[in-house]
Amino acid sequence: MKAEKAKKVEFIRTAERLKAQLANIEKDKNGHLYNRKSDFRVEYSILEELERSMTISRKTEIIDKLKEMMEEVENAINAFKEEQRQMIYINWSKGFYENKLKKQRNMKKKKGATPAWRQGL
């Protein structure tokens, strides 16, 4: 009986030692996984930062392209306005000078239609 009791005690001690070893192995495994997660977090944050910087870069490129396009549109509008101003001025001056010529012609006609004795005065 003592031999059986000793075997039971030895079995229980071995079981407790194995249980402790298993707990230590679980701790190590969890610690290793946590460290791996931490490594993944670092790598993930690096990737997030890279993506953010690329997004900012793309936005900057798009903004620059939009600015360039807006400048081209503004220049086209200004050129159109200037062309319109010149056309208006040309039409105005053409009408102004045509009107002057008409008045001069009318004056000559009137002068030609006045009596001879008045032309001498």
C-alpha atoms as a PDB file:
ATOM      1  CA  MET A   1       0.000   0.000   0.000  1.00  0.00           C
ATOM      2  CA  LYS A   2       2.821   2.340   0.737  1.00  0.00           C
ATOM      3  CA  ALA A   3       4.140   1.672  -2.731  1.00  0.00           C
ATOM      4  CA  GLU A   4       0.771   2.486  -4.256  1.00  0.00           C
ATOM      5  CA  LYS A   5       0.457   5.627  -2.117  1.00  0.00           C
ATOM      6  CA  ALA A   6       3.990   6.671  -3.149  1.00  0.00           C
ATOM      7  CA  LYS A   7       3.136   6.043  -6.804  1.00  0.00           C
ATOM      8  CA  LYS A   8      -0.038   8.184  -6.435  1.00  0.00           C
ATOM      9  CA  VAL A   9       1.924  10.984  -4.740  1.00  0.00           C
ATOM     10  CA  GLU A  10       4.619  10.771  -7.439  1.00  0.00           C
ATOM     11  CA  PHE A  11       1.923  10.761 -10.137  1.00  0.00           C
ATOM     12  CA  ILE A  12       0.223  13.817  -8.580  1.00  0.00           C
ATOM     13  CA  ARG A  13       3.582  15.653  -8.306  1.00  0.00           C
ATOM     14  CA  THR A  14       4.378  14.794 -11.925  1.00  0.00           C
ATOM     15  CA  ALA A  15       0.922  15.931 -12.992  1.00  0.00           C
ATOM     16  CA  GLU A  16       1.307  19.225 -11.085  1.00  0.00           C
ATOM     17  CA  ARG A  17       4.799  19.757 -12.546  1.00  0.00           C
ATOM     18  CA  LEU A  18       3.451  19.054 -16.044  1.00  0.00           C
ATOM     19  CA  LYS A  19       0.512  21.372 -15.358  1.00  0.00           C
ATOM     20  CA  ALA A  20       2.947  24.124 -14.297  1.00  0.00           C
ATOM     21  CA  GLN A  21       5.068  23.478 -17.390  1.00  0.00           C
ATOM     22  CA  LEU A  22       1.948  23.649 -19.550  1.00  0.00           C
ATOM     23  CA  ALA A  23       0.979  26.977 -17.923  1.00  0.00           C
ATOM     24  CA  ASN A  24       4.495  28.326 -18.585  1.00  0.00           C
ATOM     25  CA  ILE A  25       4.342  27.141 -22.202  1.00  0.00           C
ATOM     26  CA  GLU A  26       0.921  28.829 -22.596  1.00  0.00           C
ATOM     27  CA  LYS A  27       2.358  32.049 -21.132  1.00  0.00           C
ATOM     28  CA  ASP A  28       5.295  31.920 -23.522  1.00  0.00           C
ATOM     29  CA  LYS A  29       2.988  31.198 -26.437  1.00  0.00           C
ATOM     30  CA  ASN A  30       0.707  34.106 -25.524  1.00  0.00           C
ATOM     31  CA  GLY A  31       3.702  36.370 -24.997  1.00  0.00           C
ATOM     32  CA  HIS A  32       5.104  35.350 -28.359  1.00  0.00           C
ATOM     33  CA  LEU A  33       1.734  35.953 -30.017  1.00  0.00           C
ATOM     34  CA  TYR A  34       1.444  39.325 -28.281  1.00  0.00           C
ATOM     35  CA  ASN A  35       4.923  40.239 -29.513  1.00  0.00           C
ATOM     36  CA  ARG A  36       3.951  39.100 -33.009  1.00  0.00           C
ATOM     37  CA  LYS A  37       0.803  41.206 -32.747  1.00  0.00           C
ATOM     38  CA  SER A  38       2.944  44.099 -31.627  1.00  0.00           C
ATOM     39  CA  ASP A  39       5.227  43.551 -34.621  1.00  0.00           C
ATOM     40  CA  PHE A  40       2.189  43.416 -36.859  1.00  0.00           C
ATOM     41  CA  ARG A  41       0.885  46.612 -35.268  1.00  0.00           C
ATOM     42  CA  VAL A  42       4.196  48.340 -36.000  1.00  0.00           C
ATOM     43  CA  GLU A  43       4.189  47.107 -39.592  1.00  0.00           C
ATOM     44  CA  TYR A  44       0.508  48.001 -39.955  1.00  0.00           C
ATOM     45  CA  SER A  45       1.098  51.501 -38.621  1.00  0.00           C
ATOM     46  CA  ILE A  46       3.980  51.892 -41.084  1.00  0.00           C
ATOM     47  CA  LEU A  47       1.653  50.832 -43.892  1.00  0.00           C
ATOM     48  CA  GLU A  48      -1.054  53.209 -42.649  1.00  0.00           C
ATOM     49  CA  GLU A  49       1.435  56.090 -42.589  1.00  0.00           C
ATOM     50  CA  LEU A  50       2.618  55.215 -46.092  1.00  0.00           C
ATOM     51  CA  GLU A  51      -0.980  55.093 -47.328  1.00  0.00           C
ATOM     52  CA  ARG A  52      -1.747  58.435 -45.655  1.00  0.00           C
ATOM     53  CA  SER A  53       1.292  60.080 -47.235  1.00  0.00           C
ATOM     54  CA  MET A  54       0.380  58.642 -50.643  1.00  0.00           C
ATOM     55  CA  THR A  55      -3.189  59.896 -50.236  1.00  0.00           C
ATOM     56  CA  ILE A  56      -1.908  63.362 -49.349  1.00  0.00           C
ATOM     57  CA  SER A  57       0.436  63.208 -52.337  1.00  0.00           C
ATOM     58  CA  ARG A  58      -2.436  62.226 -54.647  1.00  0.00           C
ATOM     59  CA  LYS A  59      -4.622  64.979 -53.232  1.00  0.00           C
ATOM     60  CA  THR A  60      -1.817  67.480 -53.736  1.00  0.00           C
ATOM     61  CA  GLU A  61      -1.378  66.339 -57.343  1.00  0.00           C
ATOM     62  CA  ILE A  62      -5.105  66.623 -57.975  1.00  0.00           C
ATOM     63  CA  ILE A  63      -5.221  70.079 -56.404  1.00  0.00           C
ATOM     64  CA  ASP A  64      -2.252  71.196 -58.519  1.00  0.00           C
ATOM     65  CA  LYS A  65      -3.928  69.891 -61.684  1.00  0.00           C
ATOM     66  CA  LEU A  66      -7.175  71.643 -60.755  1.00  0.00           C
ATOM     67  CA  LYS A  67      -5.315  74.899 -60.119  1.00  0.00           C
ATOM     68  CA  GLU A  68      -3.613  74.606 -63.495  1.00  0.00           C
ATOM     69  CA  MET A  69      -6.926  73.920 -65.228  1.00  0.00           C
ATOM     70  CA  MET A  70      -8.579  76.837 -63.440  1.00  0.00           C
ATOM     71  CA  GLU A  71      -5.749  79.151 -64.514  1.00  0.00           C
ATOM     72  CA  GLU A  72      -6.196  78.009 -68.123  1.00  0.00           C
ATOM     73  CA  VAL A  73      -9.945  78.638 -67.900  1.00  0.00           C
ATOM     74  CA  GLU A  74      -9.356  82.049 -66.327  1.00  0.00           C
ATOM     75  CA  ASN A  75      -6.867  82.968 -69.072  1.00  0.00           C
ATOM     76  CA  ALA A  76      -9.336  81.837 -71.745  1.00  0.00           C
ATOM     77  CA  ILE A  77     -12.114  83.899 -70.147  1.00  0.00           C
ATOM     78  CA  ASN A  78      -9.870  86.960 -69.919  1.00  0.00           C
ATOM     79  CA  ALA A  79      -8.805  86.543 -73.554  1.00  0.00           C
ATOM     80  CA  PHE A  80     -12.473  86.238 -74.573  1.00  0.00           C
ATOM     81  CA  LYS A  81     -13.377  89.363 -72.573  1.00  0.00           C
ATOM     82  CA  GLU A  82     -10.534  91.310 -74.161  1.00  0.00           C
ATOM     83  CA  GLU A  83     -11.622  90.186 -77.616  1.00  0.00           C
ATOM     84  CA  GLN A  84     -15.185  91.272 -76.836  1.00  0.00           C
ATOM     85  CA  ARG A  85     -13.956  94.669 -75.584  1.00  0.00           C
ATOM     86  CA  GLN A  86     -11.947  95.168 -78.757  1.00  0.00           C
ATOM     87  CA  MET A  87     -14.903  94.198 -80.941  1.00  0.00           C
ATOM     88  CA  ILE A  88     -17.162  96.579 -79.020  1.00  0.00           C
ATOM     89  CA  TYR A  89     -14.611  99.387 -79.345  1.00  0.00           C
ATOM     90  CA  ILE A  90     -14.142  98.689 -83.068  1.00  0.00           C
ATOM     91  CA  ASN A  91     -17.906  98.649 -83.631  1.00  0.00           C
ATOM     92  CA  TRP A  92     -18.351 101.788 -81.535  1.00  0.00           C
ATOM     93  CA  SER A  93     -15.568 103.671 -83.287  1.00  0.00           C
ATOM     94  CA  LYS A  94     -16.793 102.440 -86.686  1.00  0.00           C
ATOM     95  CA  GLY A  95     -20.284 103.673 -85.859  1.00  0.00           C
ATOM     96  CA  PHE A  96     -18.884 106.910 -84.437  1.00  0.00           C
ATOM     97  CA  TYR A  97     -16.853 107.669 -87.569  1.00  0.00           C
ATOM     98  CA  GLU A  98     -19.665 106.600 -89.886  1.00  0.00           C
ATOM     99  CA  ASN A  99     -21.959 108.956 -88.005  1.00  0.00           C
ATOM    100  CA  LYS A 100     -19.386 111.766 -88.338  1.00  0.00           C
ATOM    101  CA  LEU A 101     -19.078 111.120 -92.084  1.00  0.00           C
ATOM    102  CA  LYS A 102     -22.864 111.184 -92.444  1.00  0.00           C
ATOM    103  CA  LYS A 103     -23.010 114.497 -90.610  1.00  0.00           C
ATOM    104  CA  GLN A 104     -20.255 115.915 -92.839  1.00  0.00           C
ATOM    105  CA  ARG A 105     -22.048 114.711 -95.967  1.00  0.00           C
ATOM    106  CA  ASN A 106     -25.286 116.199 -94.713  1.00  0.00           C
ATOM    107  CA  MET A 107     -23.488 119.469 -93.992  1.00  0.00           C
ATOM    108  CA  LYS A 108     -22.042 119.503 -97.516  1.00  0.00           C
ATOM    109  CA  LYS A 109     -25.453 118.772 -98.993  1.00  0.00           C
ATOM    110  CA  LYS A 110     -27.002 121.508 -96.902  1.00  0.00           C
ATOM    111  CA  LYS A 111     -24.231 123.873 -97.858  1.00  0.00           C
ATOM    112  CA  GLY A 112     -24.813 123.019-101.504  1.00  0.00           C
ATOM    113  CA  ALA A 113     -28.544 123.597-101.045  1.00  0.00           C
ATOM    114  CA  THR A 114     -28.171 127.058 -99.492  1.00  0.00           C
ATOM    115  CA  PRO A 115     -28.734 130.092-101.689  1.00  0.00           C
ATOM    116  CA  ALA A 116     -25.678 131.509-103.441  1.00  0.00           C
ATOM    117  CA  TRP A 117     -25.864 134.868-101.681  1.00  0.00           C
ATOM    118  CA  ARG A 118     -25.626 133.087 -98.270  1.00  0.00           C
ATOM    119  CA  GLN A 119     -22.615 131.009 -99.264  1.00  0.00           C
ATOM    120  CA  GLY A 120     -20.595 134.162 -99.701  1.00  0.00           C
ATOM    121  CA  LEU A 121     -21.157 135.342 -96.194  1.00  0.00           C
END
